[in-house]
N, C-alpha and C. Protein backbone atom coordinates (compact mmCIF):
# COMPACT_ATOMS: atom_id res chain seq x y z
N MET A 1 152.46 61.56 120.55
CA MET A 1 152.42 60.11 120.40
C MET A 1 151.21 59.69 119.58
N PHE A 2 151.41 58.78 118.62
CA PHE A 2 150.34 58.35 117.73
C PHE A 2 149.37 57.42 118.45
N THR A 3 148.08 57.69 118.31
CA THR A 3 147.03 56.83 118.85
C THR A 3 146.20 56.33 117.68
N TYR A 4 146.08 55.02 117.57
CA TYR A 4 145.33 54.41 116.47
C TYR A 4 143.84 54.51 116.74
N ARG A 5 143.14 55.22 115.87
CA ARG A 5 141.69 55.36 115.98
C ARG A 5 141.08 54.97 114.64
N PRO A 6 140.89 53.69 114.42
CA PRO A 6 140.36 53.24 113.12
C PRO A 6 138.96 53.76 112.88
N PRO A 7 138.63 54.05 111.64
CA PRO A 7 137.31 54.59 111.33
C PRO A 7 136.22 53.52 111.47
N SER A 8 135.01 53.96 111.63
CA SER A 8 133.88 53.03 111.72
C SER A 8 133.38 52.64 110.33
N ASP A 9 133.88 53.31 109.30
CA ASP A 9 133.45 52.99 107.93
C ASP A 9 133.67 51.51 107.64
N PRO A 10 132.70 50.84 107.04
CA PRO A 10 132.86 49.42 106.75
C PRO A 10 133.86 49.17 105.63
N VAL A 11 134.42 47.97 105.61
CA VAL A 11 135.23 47.53 104.49
C VAL A 11 134.26 46.97 103.45
N GLN A 12 134.12 47.69 102.35
CA GLN A 12 133.15 47.30 101.34
C GLN A 12 133.72 46.19 100.44
N ILE A 13 132.95 45.14 100.24
CA ILE A 13 133.34 44.06 99.32
C ILE A 13 132.83 44.42 97.93
N LEU A 14 133.77 44.56 96.99
CA LEU A 14 133.43 44.93 95.62
C LEU A 14 133.20 43.71 94.73
N TYR A 15 133.88 42.61 95.07
CA TYR A 15 133.77 41.40 94.25
C TYR A 15 134.26 40.22 95.07
N GLN A 16 133.64 39.07 94.85
CA GLN A 16 134.07 37.85 95.53
C GLN A 16 133.75 36.64 94.68
N ASP A 17 134.69 35.69 94.61
CA ASP A 17 134.42 34.39 94.01
C ASP A 17 135.12 33.33 94.86
N ALA A 18 135.34 32.15 94.34
CA ALA A 18 135.91 31.07 95.13
C ALA A 18 137.39 31.26 95.40
N ASP A 19 138.03 32.19 94.68
CA ASP A 19 139.48 32.31 94.77
C ASP A 19 139.97 33.62 95.38
N LEU A 20 139.17 34.66 95.32
CA LEU A 20 139.64 35.96 95.79
C LEU A 20 138.47 36.84 96.20
N VAL A 21 138.81 37.87 96.93
CA VAL A 21 137.85 38.91 97.29
C VAL A 21 138.52 40.26 97.11
N VAL A 22 137.80 41.20 96.51
CA VAL A 22 138.30 42.55 96.29
C VAL A 22 137.54 43.49 97.20
N ILE A 23 138.26 44.28 97.97
CA ILE A 23 137.63 45.17 98.95
C ILE A 23 138.04 46.62 98.71
N ASP A 24 137.27 47.52 99.31
CA ASP A 24 137.56 48.95 99.27
C ASP A 24 137.88 49.38 100.70
N LYS A 25 139.15 49.63 100.99
CA LYS A 25 139.59 49.96 102.34
C LYS A 25 139.41 51.45 102.62
N PRO A 26 138.82 51.81 103.77
CA PRO A 26 138.72 53.23 104.10
C PRO A 26 140.05 53.78 104.61
N SER A 27 140.22 55.08 104.49
CA SER A 27 141.40 55.75 105.02
C SER A 27 141.40 55.64 106.55
N GLY A 28 142.59 55.46 107.12
CA GLY A 28 142.73 55.40 108.57
C GLY A 28 142.71 54.00 109.14
N LEU A 29 142.49 53.01 108.29
CA LEU A 29 142.44 51.61 108.74
C LEU A 29 143.67 50.87 108.28
N LEU A 30 144.35 50.18 109.21
CA LEU A 30 145.49 49.35 108.85
C LEU A 30 145.07 48.26 107.87
N SER A 31 145.97 47.86 106.99
CA SER A 31 145.69 46.74 106.09
C SER A 31 145.76 45.42 106.83
N ALA A 32 146.74 45.28 107.72
CA ALA A 32 146.97 44.06 108.50
C ALA A 32 147.19 44.44 109.96
N PRO A 33 147.07 43.48 110.88
CA PRO A 33 147.28 43.81 112.29
C PRO A 33 148.66 44.40 112.55
N GLY A 34 148.71 45.38 113.44
CA GLY A 34 149.97 45.96 113.85
C GLY A 34 150.40 45.39 115.19
N ARG A 35 151.43 45.98 115.75
CA ARG A 35 151.93 45.54 117.05
C ARG A 35 151.05 46.09 118.17
N GLY A 36 150.67 45.21 119.09
CA GLY A 36 149.86 45.63 120.22
C GLY A 36 148.39 45.31 120.03
N GLU A 37 147.71 45.12 121.15
CA GLU A 37 146.30 44.77 121.12
C GLU A 37 145.44 45.87 120.52
N ASP A 38 145.90 47.11 120.62
CA ASP A 38 145.12 48.23 120.11
C ASP A 38 145.18 48.38 118.60
N LYS A 39 145.99 47.53 117.93
CA LYS A 39 146.14 47.64 116.48
C LYS A 39 145.73 46.35 115.77
N GLN A 40 144.81 45.62 116.36
CA GLN A 40 144.35 44.37 115.73
C GLN A 40 143.18 44.60 114.77
N ASP A 41 142.48 45.69 114.94
CA ASP A 41 141.39 46.03 114.02
C ASP A 41 142.00 46.50 112.71
N CYS A 42 141.70 45.82 111.61
CA CYS A 42 142.33 46.14 110.33
C CYS A 42 141.45 45.64 109.18
N ALA A 43 141.86 45.94 107.96
CA ALA A 43 141.09 45.51 106.80
C ALA A 43 140.99 43.99 106.73
N LEU A 44 142.10 43.30 107.04
CA LEU A 44 142.09 41.84 106.99
C LEU A 44 141.13 41.25 108.02
N SER A 45 141.19 41.73 109.27
CA SER A 45 140.33 41.17 110.31
C SER A 45 138.86 41.48 110.03
N ARG A 46 138.56 42.67 109.52
CA ARG A 46 137.17 43.01 109.21
C ARG A 46 136.66 42.18 108.04
N CYS A 47 137.52 41.95 107.05
CA CYS A 47 137.12 41.12 105.92
C CYS A 47 136.81 39.70 106.36
N ARG A 48 137.63 39.19 107.29
CA ARG A 48 137.45 37.81 107.75
C ARG A 48 136.15 37.61 108.54
N LEU A 49 135.53 38.69 109.00
CA LEU A 49 134.26 38.56 109.68
C LEU A 49 133.18 38.04 108.74
N THR A 50 133.28 38.39 107.47
CA THR A 50 132.29 37.94 106.49
C THR A 50 132.87 36.94 105.49
N VAL A 51 134.21 36.94 105.35
CA VAL A 51 134.88 36.01 104.44
C VAL A 51 135.98 35.30 105.21
N PRO A 52 135.64 34.29 106.01
CA PRO A 52 136.65 33.58 106.80
C PRO A 52 137.74 32.97 105.90
N GLY A 53 138.97 33.03 106.39
CA GLY A 53 140.06 32.42 105.65
C GLY A 53 140.72 33.33 104.64
N ALA A 54 140.30 34.58 104.53
CA ALA A 54 140.93 35.51 103.60
C ALA A 54 142.41 35.68 103.94
N LEU A 55 143.25 35.73 102.89
CA LEU A 55 144.70 35.80 103.06
C LEU A 55 145.23 37.11 102.47
N LEU A 56 146.09 37.77 103.22
CA LEU A 56 146.65 39.05 102.77
C LEU A 56 147.63 38.83 101.62
N VAL A 57 147.50 39.62 100.56
CA VAL A 57 148.39 39.54 99.40
C VAL A 57 149.29 40.77 99.33
N HIS A 58 148.74 41.94 99.63
CA HIS A 58 149.50 43.18 99.57
C HIS A 58 148.89 44.15 100.57
N ARG A 59 149.48 45.32 100.72
CA ARG A 59 149.02 46.30 101.69
C ARG A 59 148.86 47.67 101.05
N LEU A 60 148.01 48.46 101.66
CA LEU A 60 147.96 49.90 101.42
C LEU A 60 148.38 50.58 102.71
N ASP A 61 149.00 51.76 102.60
CA ASP A 61 149.29 52.55 103.80
C ASP A 61 148.01 52.76 104.59
N MET A 62 148.14 52.87 105.89
CA MET A 62 146.98 53.05 106.75
C MET A 62 146.08 54.20 106.27
N ASP A 63 146.67 55.33 105.92
CA ASP A 63 145.88 56.51 105.57
C ASP A 63 145.47 56.56 104.10
N THR A 64 145.91 55.59 103.31
CA THR A 64 145.49 55.50 101.92
C THR A 64 144.22 54.67 101.83
N SER A 65 143.27 55.12 101.06
CA SER A 65 142.03 54.37 100.85
C SER A 65 142.10 53.64 99.52
N GLY A 66 141.16 52.69 99.33
CA GLY A 66 141.01 52.12 98.01
C GLY A 66 141.11 50.62 97.89
N ILE A 67 141.36 50.18 96.67
CA ILE A 67 141.28 48.78 96.24
C ILE A 67 142.37 47.90 96.85
N MET A 68 141.94 46.77 97.40
CA MET A 68 142.85 45.71 97.82
C MET A 68 142.26 44.38 97.36
N VAL A 69 143.14 43.42 97.01
CA VAL A 69 142.69 42.07 96.68
C VAL A 69 143.26 41.11 97.72
N LEU A 70 142.42 40.20 98.20
CA LEU A 70 142.83 39.17 99.15
C LEU A 70 142.54 37.80 98.54
N ALA A 71 143.39 36.84 98.84
CA ALA A 71 143.21 35.48 98.31
C ALA A 71 142.34 34.66 99.26
N LEU A 72 141.67 33.63 98.69
CA LEU A 72 140.81 32.78 99.50
C LEU A 72 141.29 31.34 99.58
N ASN A 73 142.46 31.07 99.01
CA ASN A 73 143.07 29.76 99.15
C ASN A 73 144.56 29.88 98.85
N PRO A 74 145.37 28.91 99.28
CA PRO A 74 146.82 29.01 99.10
C PRO A 74 147.26 29.13 97.65
N THR A 75 146.59 28.45 96.72
CA THR A 75 146.98 28.52 95.32
C THR A 75 146.79 29.93 94.77
N SER A 76 145.64 30.53 95.06
CA SER A 76 145.39 31.90 94.62
C SER A 76 146.37 32.88 95.27
N HIS A 77 146.65 32.64 96.54
CA HIS A 77 147.61 33.51 97.24
C HIS A 77 148.97 33.47 96.55
N ARG A 78 149.42 32.29 96.19
CA ARG A 78 150.71 32.16 95.52
C ARG A 78 150.71 32.87 94.16
N HIS A 79 149.66 32.66 93.37
CA HIS A 79 149.59 33.27 92.04
C HIS A 79 149.55 34.79 92.13
N LEU A 80 148.71 35.32 93.00
CA LEU A 80 148.60 36.77 93.12
C LEU A 80 149.88 37.38 93.67
N SER A 81 150.49 36.73 94.65
CA SER A 81 151.74 37.23 95.22
C SER A 81 152.83 37.28 94.16
N GLN A 82 152.89 36.28 93.30
CA GLN A 82 153.88 36.27 92.24
C GLN A 82 153.67 37.42 91.26
N GLN A 83 152.42 37.73 90.98
CA GLN A 83 152.14 38.84 90.07
C GLN A 83 152.62 40.17 90.67
N PHE A 84 152.42 40.34 91.97
CA PHE A 84 152.94 41.55 92.63
C PHE A 84 154.46 41.57 92.60
N GLU A 85 155.08 40.45 92.92
CA GLU A 85 156.55 40.39 92.95
C GLU A 85 157.15 40.65 91.58
N GLN A 86 156.48 40.18 90.54
CA GLN A 86 156.98 40.33 89.17
C GLN A 86 156.47 41.60 88.50
N ARG A 87 155.80 42.44 89.25
CA ARG A 87 155.30 43.73 88.78
C ARG A 87 154.38 43.56 87.57
N ARG A 88 153.53 42.57 87.64
CA ARG A 88 152.53 42.35 86.58
C ARG A 88 151.15 42.83 86.99
N ILE A 89 151.09 43.51 88.12
CA ILE A 89 149.85 44.10 88.61
C ILE A 89 149.77 45.55 88.13
N GLY A 90 148.62 45.94 87.61
CA GLY A 90 148.41 47.34 87.22
C GLY A 90 147.78 48.10 88.38
N LYS A 91 148.38 49.24 88.74
CA LYS A 91 147.87 50.03 89.85
C LYS A 91 147.78 51.50 89.44
N THR A 92 146.64 52.11 89.73
CA THR A 92 146.45 53.54 89.46
C THR A 92 145.89 54.19 90.72
N TYR A 93 146.46 55.34 91.07
CA TYR A 93 146.04 56.09 92.26
C TYR A 93 145.58 57.49 91.85
N LEU A 94 144.74 58.07 92.68
CA LEU A 94 144.39 59.48 92.57
C LEU A 94 144.99 60.20 93.77
N ALA A 95 145.50 61.40 93.56
CA ALA A 95 146.08 62.17 94.66
C ALA A 95 145.90 63.67 94.42
N TRP A 96 145.40 64.35 95.45
CA TRP A 96 145.42 65.82 95.44
C TRP A 96 146.73 66.26 96.06
N VAL A 97 147.48 67.08 95.32
CA VAL A 97 148.78 67.54 95.80
C VAL A 97 148.80 69.05 95.89
N GLU A 98 149.70 69.55 96.72
CA GLU A 98 149.84 70.99 96.92
C GLU A 98 150.44 71.64 95.67
N GLY A 99 149.90 72.82 95.32
CA GLY A 99 150.46 73.60 94.22
C GLY A 99 149.83 73.27 92.87
N SER A 100 150.03 74.17 91.93
CA SER A 100 149.50 74.00 90.58
C SER A 100 150.62 73.53 89.66
N ILE A 101 150.45 72.36 89.05
CA ILE A 101 151.46 71.79 88.16
C ILE A 101 151.15 72.21 86.73
N ALA A 102 152.10 72.86 86.08
CA ALA A 102 151.86 73.41 84.75
C ALA A 102 151.87 72.33 83.66
N GLU A 103 152.74 71.35 83.77
CA GLU A 103 152.83 70.32 82.74
C GLU A 103 151.61 69.40 82.79
N ASP A 104 151.36 68.72 81.69
CA ASP A 104 150.23 67.79 81.63
C ASP A 104 150.57 66.42 82.19
N SER A 105 151.82 66.00 82.08
CA SER A 105 152.22 64.67 82.53
C SER A 105 153.73 64.63 82.70
N GLY A 106 154.19 63.56 83.30
CA GLY A 106 155.63 63.41 83.50
C GLY A 106 155.93 62.14 84.28
N LYS A 107 157.18 62.01 84.70
CA LYS A 107 157.57 60.86 85.50
C LYS A 107 158.55 61.29 86.58
N ILE A 108 158.58 60.52 87.65
CA ILE A 108 159.51 60.75 88.76
C ILE A 108 160.34 59.49 88.91
N ASP A 109 161.62 59.61 88.64
CA ASP A 109 162.53 58.47 88.67
C ASP A 109 163.59 58.74 89.73
N LEU A 110 163.25 58.43 90.99
CA LEU A 110 164.13 58.72 92.12
C LEU A 110 164.20 57.50 93.04
N PRO A 111 165.40 57.02 93.38
CA PRO A 111 165.55 55.83 94.21
C PRO A 111 165.18 56.09 95.67
N LEU A 112 164.58 55.10 96.31
CA LEU A 112 164.09 55.25 97.68
C LEU A 112 164.78 54.29 98.63
N LEU A 113 164.92 54.76 99.88
CA LEU A 113 165.56 53.98 100.94
C LEU A 113 164.86 54.31 102.26
N ALA A 114 164.78 53.32 103.13
CA ALA A 114 164.20 53.56 104.46
C ALA A 114 165.03 54.57 105.22
N ASP A 115 164.36 55.53 105.85
CA ASP A 115 165.01 56.55 106.67
C ASP A 115 164.99 56.03 108.12
N TRP A 116 165.91 55.13 108.44
CA TRP A 116 165.87 54.38 109.69
C TRP A 116 165.79 55.25 110.95
N PRO A 117 166.52 56.35 111.05
CA PRO A 117 166.40 57.17 112.27
C PRO A 117 165.01 57.80 112.43
N ASN A 118 164.27 57.86 111.32
CA ASN A 118 162.96 58.52 111.35
C ASN A 118 161.85 57.57 110.88
N ARG A 119 161.98 56.31 111.24
CA ARG A 119 160.96 55.32 110.84
C ARG A 119 159.56 55.78 111.26
N PRO A 120 158.54 55.52 110.43
CA PRO A 120 158.53 54.70 109.21
C PRO A 120 158.80 55.47 107.93
N LYS A 121 159.39 56.66 108.02
CA LYS A 121 159.60 57.47 106.83
C LYS A 121 160.60 56.84 105.87
N GLN A 122 160.45 57.18 104.61
CA GLN A 122 161.37 56.80 103.55
C GLN A 122 162.02 58.08 103.02
N LYS A 123 163.10 57.92 102.26
CA LYS A 123 163.80 59.09 101.75
C LYS A 123 164.40 58.80 100.38
N ILE A 124 164.71 59.87 99.66
CA ILE A 124 165.43 59.74 98.40
C ILE A 124 166.91 59.50 98.71
N ASP A 125 167.49 58.47 98.11
CA ASP A 125 168.91 58.19 98.29
C ASP A 125 169.47 57.74 96.95
N ARG A 126 170.17 58.66 96.27
CA ARG A 126 170.63 58.40 94.91
C ARG A 126 171.77 57.37 94.87
N GLU A 127 172.43 57.13 95.99
CA GLU A 127 173.55 56.18 96.00
C GLU A 127 173.11 54.78 96.41
N ASN A 128 172.28 54.69 97.45
CA ASN A 128 171.93 53.39 98.01
C ASN A 128 170.46 53.00 97.85
N GLY A 129 169.66 53.92 97.34
CA GLY A 129 168.23 53.65 97.24
C GLY A 129 167.88 52.63 96.16
N LYS A 130 166.67 52.05 96.29
CA LYS A 130 166.18 51.09 95.30
C LYS A 130 165.47 51.84 94.17
N PRO A 131 165.67 51.40 92.93
CA PRO A 131 165.04 52.09 91.79
C PRO A 131 163.53 52.20 91.99
N SER A 132 163.00 53.40 91.72
CA SER A 132 161.58 53.67 91.94
C SER A 132 161.10 54.64 90.87
N LEU A 133 160.03 54.26 90.17
CA LEU A 133 159.53 55.08 89.08
C LEU A 133 158.02 55.29 89.22
N THR A 134 157.61 56.54 89.13
CA THR A 134 156.19 56.90 89.18
C THR A 134 155.86 57.77 87.97
N ARG A 135 154.79 57.43 87.26
CA ARG A 135 154.30 58.26 86.17
C ARG A 135 153.07 59.04 86.66
N TRP A 136 152.93 60.28 86.22
CA TRP A 136 151.82 61.09 86.67
C TRP A 136 151.16 61.83 85.51
N GLN A 137 149.88 62.14 85.72
CA GLN A 137 149.10 62.89 84.73
C GLN A 137 148.16 63.83 85.46
N VAL A 138 148.11 65.07 85.03
CA VAL A 138 147.23 66.06 85.65
C VAL A 138 145.79 65.84 85.20
N LEU A 139 144.87 65.80 86.16
CA LEU A 139 143.45 65.64 85.87
C LEU A 139 142.64 66.91 86.13
N GLU A 140 143.07 67.70 87.12
CA GLU A 140 142.27 68.87 87.50
C GLU A 140 143.11 69.82 88.34
N HIS A 141 142.79 71.12 88.28
CA HIS A 141 143.35 72.12 89.16
C HIS A 141 142.23 72.75 89.98
N ARG A 142 142.51 73.00 91.27
CA ARG A 142 141.50 73.64 92.11
C ARG A 142 142.17 74.28 93.33
N ALA A 143 141.87 75.53 93.58
CA ALA A 143 142.29 76.21 94.81
C ALA A 143 143.76 76.02 95.14
N GLY A 144 144.61 76.20 94.14
CA GLY A 144 146.04 76.07 94.39
C GLY A 144 146.51 74.65 94.63
N ALA A 145 145.77 73.68 94.15
CA ALA A 145 146.15 72.26 94.27
C ALA A 145 145.89 71.57 92.94
N THR A 146 146.45 70.38 92.79
CA THR A 146 146.34 69.63 91.54
C THR A 146 145.93 68.19 91.83
N LEU A 147 144.96 67.71 91.06
CA LEU A 147 144.57 66.30 91.14
C LEU A 147 145.38 65.53 90.12
N LEU A 148 146.12 64.52 90.60
CA LEU A 148 146.98 63.71 89.75
C LEU A 148 146.49 62.27 89.65
N LYS A 149 146.69 61.69 88.48
CA LYS A 149 146.60 60.24 88.33
C LYS A 149 148.03 59.72 88.42
N LEU A 150 148.27 58.84 89.37
CA LEU A 150 149.62 58.34 89.62
C LEU A 150 149.68 56.85 89.28
N THR A 151 150.70 56.48 88.53
CA THR A 151 150.90 55.08 88.16
C THR A 151 152.30 54.65 88.57
N PRO A 152 152.42 53.93 89.67
CA PRO A 152 153.74 53.47 90.10
C PRO A 152 154.18 52.24 89.30
N GLU A 153 155.40 52.26 88.81
CA GLU A 153 155.94 51.10 88.10
C GLU A 153 156.82 50.26 89.01
N SER A 154 156.96 50.70 90.23
CA SER A 154 157.61 49.91 91.29
C SER A 154 156.71 50.06 92.51
N GLY A 155 156.93 49.24 93.51
CA GLY A 155 156.02 49.25 94.65
C GLY A 155 156.71 49.49 95.97
N ARG A 156 157.49 50.55 96.05
CA ARG A 156 158.23 50.85 97.28
C ARG A 156 157.31 51.45 98.35
N THR A 157 157.70 51.24 99.59
CA THR A 157 156.96 51.82 100.71
C THR A 157 156.90 53.34 100.59
N HIS A 158 155.69 53.89 100.71
CA HIS A 158 155.46 55.34 100.66
C HIS A 158 155.94 55.98 99.36
N GLN A 159 156.09 55.17 98.30
CA GLN A 159 156.67 55.69 97.06
C GLN A 159 155.98 56.94 96.54
N LEU A 160 154.67 56.90 96.42
CA LEU A 160 153.96 58.03 95.83
C LEU A 160 154.06 59.27 96.71
N ARG A 161 153.99 59.07 98.00
CA ARG A 161 154.04 60.20 98.93
C ARG A 161 155.42 60.87 98.90
N VAL A 162 156.48 60.07 98.89
CA VAL A 162 157.84 60.63 98.86
C VAL A 162 158.14 61.26 97.51
N HIS A 163 157.72 60.61 96.43
CA HIS A 163 157.97 61.16 95.11
C HIS A 163 157.26 62.49 94.90
N CYS A 164 156.02 62.58 95.35
CA CYS A 164 155.31 63.86 95.20
C CYS A 164 155.98 64.96 96.00
N GLU A 165 156.39 64.65 97.21
CA GLU A 165 157.09 65.65 98.02
C GLU A 165 158.40 66.05 97.36
N ALA A 166 159.10 65.09 96.74
CA ALA A 166 160.41 65.35 96.15
C ALA A 166 160.34 66.34 94.99
N ILE A 167 159.20 66.40 94.30
CA ILE A 167 159.07 67.36 93.20
C ILE A 167 158.38 68.64 93.65
N GLY A 168 158.23 68.80 94.97
CA GLY A 168 157.68 70.03 95.51
C GLY A 168 156.16 70.10 95.56
N HIS A 169 155.49 68.94 95.45
CA HIS A 169 154.03 68.91 95.47
C HIS A 169 153.55 67.78 96.38
N PRO A 170 153.70 67.95 97.71
CA PRO A 170 153.29 66.89 98.63
C PRO A 170 151.80 66.62 98.59
N VAL A 171 151.43 65.38 98.91
CA VAL A 171 150.02 65.00 98.95
C VAL A 171 149.35 65.73 100.11
N LEU A 172 148.19 66.30 99.86
CA LEU A 172 147.47 67.02 100.90
C LEU A 172 147.06 66.07 102.02
N GLY A 173 147.15 66.56 103.26
CA GLY A 173 146.74 65.78 104.42
C GLY A 173 147.73 64.72 104.85
N ASP A 174 148.94 64.74 104.30
CA ASP A 174 149.95 63.73 104.65
C ASP A 174 150.63 64.12 105.96
N ARG A 175 150.50 63.27 106.99
CA ARG A 175 151.04 63.58 108.31
C ARG A 175 152.53 63.30 108.43
N LEU A 176 153.09 62.55 107.48
CA LEU A 176 154.52 62.22 107.55
C LEU A 176 155.38 63.11 106.66
N TYR A 177 154.84 63.52 105.53
CA TYR A 177 155.62 64.28 104.56
C TYR A 177 154.94 65.61 104.28
N GLY A 178 155.67 66.49 103.61
CA GLY A 178 155.10 67.78 103.27
C GLY A 178 155.27 68.80 104.38
N SER A 179 154.51 69.89 104.28
CA SER A 179 154.60 71.02 105.21
C SER A 179 153.35 71.08 106.08
N LEU A 180 153.39 71.95 107.09
CA LEU A 180 152.20 72.16 107.91
C LEU A 180 151.03 72.64 107.05
N LYS A 181 151.34 73.45 106.03
CA LYS A 181 150.29 73.95 105.15
C LYS A 181 149.63 72.82 104.37
N SER A 182 150.46 71.97 103.74
CA SER A 182 149.88 70.89 102.93
C SER A 182 149.16 69.86 103.81
N ARG A 183 149.65 69.65 105.03
CA ARG A 183 148.98 68.73 105.95
C ARG A 183 147.60 69.25 106.35
N GLY A 184 147.51 70.57 106.49
CA GLY A 184 146.28 71.15 107.00
C GLY A 184 145.21 71.39 105.96
N ARG A 185 145.49 71.12 104.69
CA ARG A 185 144.52 71.42 103.64
C ARG A 185 143.53 70.28 103.39
N ALA A 186 143.60 69.23 104.18
CA ALA A 186 142.63 68.13 104.06
C ALA A 186 142.57 67.39 105.39
N ARG A 187 141.41 66.85 105.71
CA ARG A 187 141.24 66.13 106.97
C ARG A 187 141.86 64.74 106.93
N ARG A 188 142.08 64.21 105.74
CA ARG A 188 142.69 62.89 105.59
C ARG A 188 143.68 62.94 104.44
N LEU A 189 144.54 61.94 104.37
CA LEU A 189 145.49 61.83 103.26
C LEU A 189 144.71 61.74 101.95
N GLN A 190 145.02 62.64 101.04
CA GLN A 190 144.30 62.68 99.76
C GLN A 190 144.95 61.76 98.73
N LEU A 191 145.00 60.48 99.08
CA LEU A 191 145.58 59.47 98.21
C LEU A 191 144.65 58.26 98.19
N HIS A 192 144.27 57.84 96.99
CA HIS A 192 143.27 56.77 96.85
C HIS A 192 143.71 55.78 95.78
N ALA A 193 143.73 54.50 96.13
CA ALA A 193 144.02 53.44 95.17
C ALA A 193 142.77 53.19 94.34
N GLN A 194 142.74 53.72 93.13
CA GLN A 194 141.52 53.76 92.33
C GLN A 194 141.31 52.50 91.49
N LEU A 195 142.39 51.96 90.94
CA LEU A 195 142.26 50.89 89.94
C LEU A 195 143.29 49.80 90.20
N LEU A 196 142.85 48.55 90.08
CA LEU A 196 143.75 47.40 90.24
C LEU A 196 143.44 46.40 89.13
N THR A 197 144.47 45.99 88.39
CA THR A 197 144.30 45.00 87.33
C THR A 197 145.29 43.87 87.53
N PHE A 198 144.83 42.66 87.27
CA PHE A 198 145.69 41.47 87.40
C PHE A 198 145.05 40.32 86.63
N ASP A 199 145.81 39.26 86.45
CA ASP A 199 145.27 38.05 85.82
C ASP A 199 144.64 37.18 86.90
N HIS A 200 143.41 36.75 86.64
CA HIS A 200 142.72 35.93 87.62
C HIS A 200 143.52 34.65 87.89
N PRO A 201 143.75 34.30 89.15
CA PRO A 201 144.62 33.16 89.47
C PRO A 201 144.10 31.80 88.97
N ARG A 202 142.80 31.68 88.70
CA ARG A 202 142.28 30.40 88.22
C ARG A 202 142.12 30.38 86.70
N THR A 203 141.57 31.46 86.15
CA THR A 203 141.25 31.48 84.72
C THR A 203 142.31 32.16 83.87
N ALA A 204 143.20 32.93 84.50
CA ALA A 204 144.24 33.72 83.81
C ALA A 204 143.64 34.86 82.98
N GLU A 205 142.34 35.09 83.12
CA GLU A 205 141.70 36.19 82.40
C GLU A 205 142.08 37.53 83.04
N PRO A 206 142.34 38.57 82.23
CA PRO A 206 142.60 39.90 82.78
C PRO A 206 141.39 40.38 83.58
N SER A 207 141.65 40.86 84.78
CA SER A 207 140.59 41.32 85.67
C SER A 207 140.89 42.75 86.09
N GLU A 208 139.86 43.59 86.10
CA GLU A 208 140.03 45.01 86.44
C GLU A 208 138.96 45.42 87.44
N PHE A 209 139.39 46.13 88.50
CA PHE A 209 138.47 46.57 89.54
C PHE A 209 138.70 48.05 89.82
N LEU A 210 137.59 48.76 90.00
CA LEU A 210 137.64 50.22 90.13
C LEU A 210 136.92 50.68 91.39
N SER A 211 137.51 51.65 92.08
CA SER A 211 136.86 52.32 93.20
C SER A 211 136.94 53.83 92.95
N PRO A 212 135.81 54.51 92.73
CA PRO A 212 135.85 55.95 92.46
C PRO A 212 136.49 56.75 93.59
N GLY A 213 136.28 56.29 94.85
CA GLY A 213 136.86 57.01 95.98
C GLY A 213 136.04 58.22 96.36
N ASP A 214 136.43 58.85 97.47
CA ASP A 214 135.70 60.02 97.95
C ASP A 214 136.66 61.12 98.40
N LEU A 215 137.73 61.33 97.64
CA LEU A 215 138.66 62.39 98.00
C LEU A 215 137.94 63.74 97.96
N THR A 216 138.13 64.50 99.02
CA THR A 216 137.42 65.78 99.14
C THR A 216 138.13 66.91 98.43
N GLY A 217 139.43 66.73 98.14
CA GLY A 217 140.17 67.80 97.52
C GLY A 217 140.64 68.82 98.54
N PRO A 218 141.18 69.95 98.08
CA PRO A 218 141.81 70.91 98.98
C PRO A 218 140.84 71.82 99.70
N ALA A 219 141.18 72.14 100.95
CA ALA A 219 140.54 73.27 101.63
C ALA A 219 141.21 74.53 101.10
N SER A 220 140.52 75.64 101.16
CA SER A 220 141.10 76.89 100.67
C SER A 220 142.23 77.32 101.59
N HIS A 221 143.14 78.14 101.06
CA HIS A 221 144.31 78.56 101.82
C HIS A 221 143.96 79.34 103.08
N ASP A 222 142.79 79.96 103.10
CA ASP A 222 142.45 80.79 104.26
C ASP A 222 141.69 80.01 105.33
N THR A 223 141.55 78.70 105.15
CA THR A 223 140.88 77.90 106.18
C THR A 223 141.77 76.73 106.62
N LEU A 224 143.06 76.97 106.68
CA LEU A 224 143.98 75.90 107.05
C LEU A 224 143.83 75.52 108.50
N SER A 225 143.96 74.20 108.77
CA SER A 225 143.97 73.69 110.14
C SER A 225 145.07 72.65 110.22
N PRO A 226 146.29 73.07 110.55
CA PRO A 226 147.46 72.19 110.48
C PRO A 226 147.25 70.88 111.22
N ILE A 227 147.74 69.80 110.59
CA ILE A 227 147.72 68.46 111.19
C ILE A 227 149.14 68.09 111.52
N SER A 228 149.42 67.77 112.75
CA SER A 228 150.78 67.42 113.13
C SER A 228 151.07 65.96 112.80
N ALA A 229 152.34 65.64 112.64
CA ALA A 229 152.74 64.27 112.35
C ALA A 229 152.51 63.41 113.58
N PRO A 230 152.26 62.08 113.37
CA PRO A 230 152.03 61.19 114.52
C PRO A 230 153.28 61.01 115.36
């Protein structure tokens, strides 16, 4: 049974003005409150401790770290939400995945659908799934693993995690997808939202925010410590 144990790492504020705040969410912290009193600690609630009135615009998976933008008034919330809905937001992720990928770059074009009997998992469904496209580029190889730059052109739930598993290279440390081996090669999910670009809701100027992240990369094959799914 899954027990929520949010990290003590602070939610770092990277930028703030009268309309929005950009934060760096640590891995293991919910983006928004979940069901039950034990799941109220989240990125939104922590942000509101220092920035009252912050409004959620989008989410990152609990175990994914990195850039999030929150609105500070209804007008900004509407503008930013529309950019996400219309796919005008630029998003780049870093991910350490199992195995060595020979090609330099490529794309994964596989439709996704909720796997209802196994919630919250998602699955590839070529007949009923929603179109989902991820572009990838190899950045580094190390210890039988590959560091990828991932650029999703759609924003499906668990898209990057399912797409990487579908091509035989699951994200290291992923408790929902992949194998016992790939889960055990990192203490946390090796997926980080590195870059976020959007038009500022007040000025319409292109805005870009970066978080280098602290992905540790793979443990060696001879020091595996399997992580079971929640």
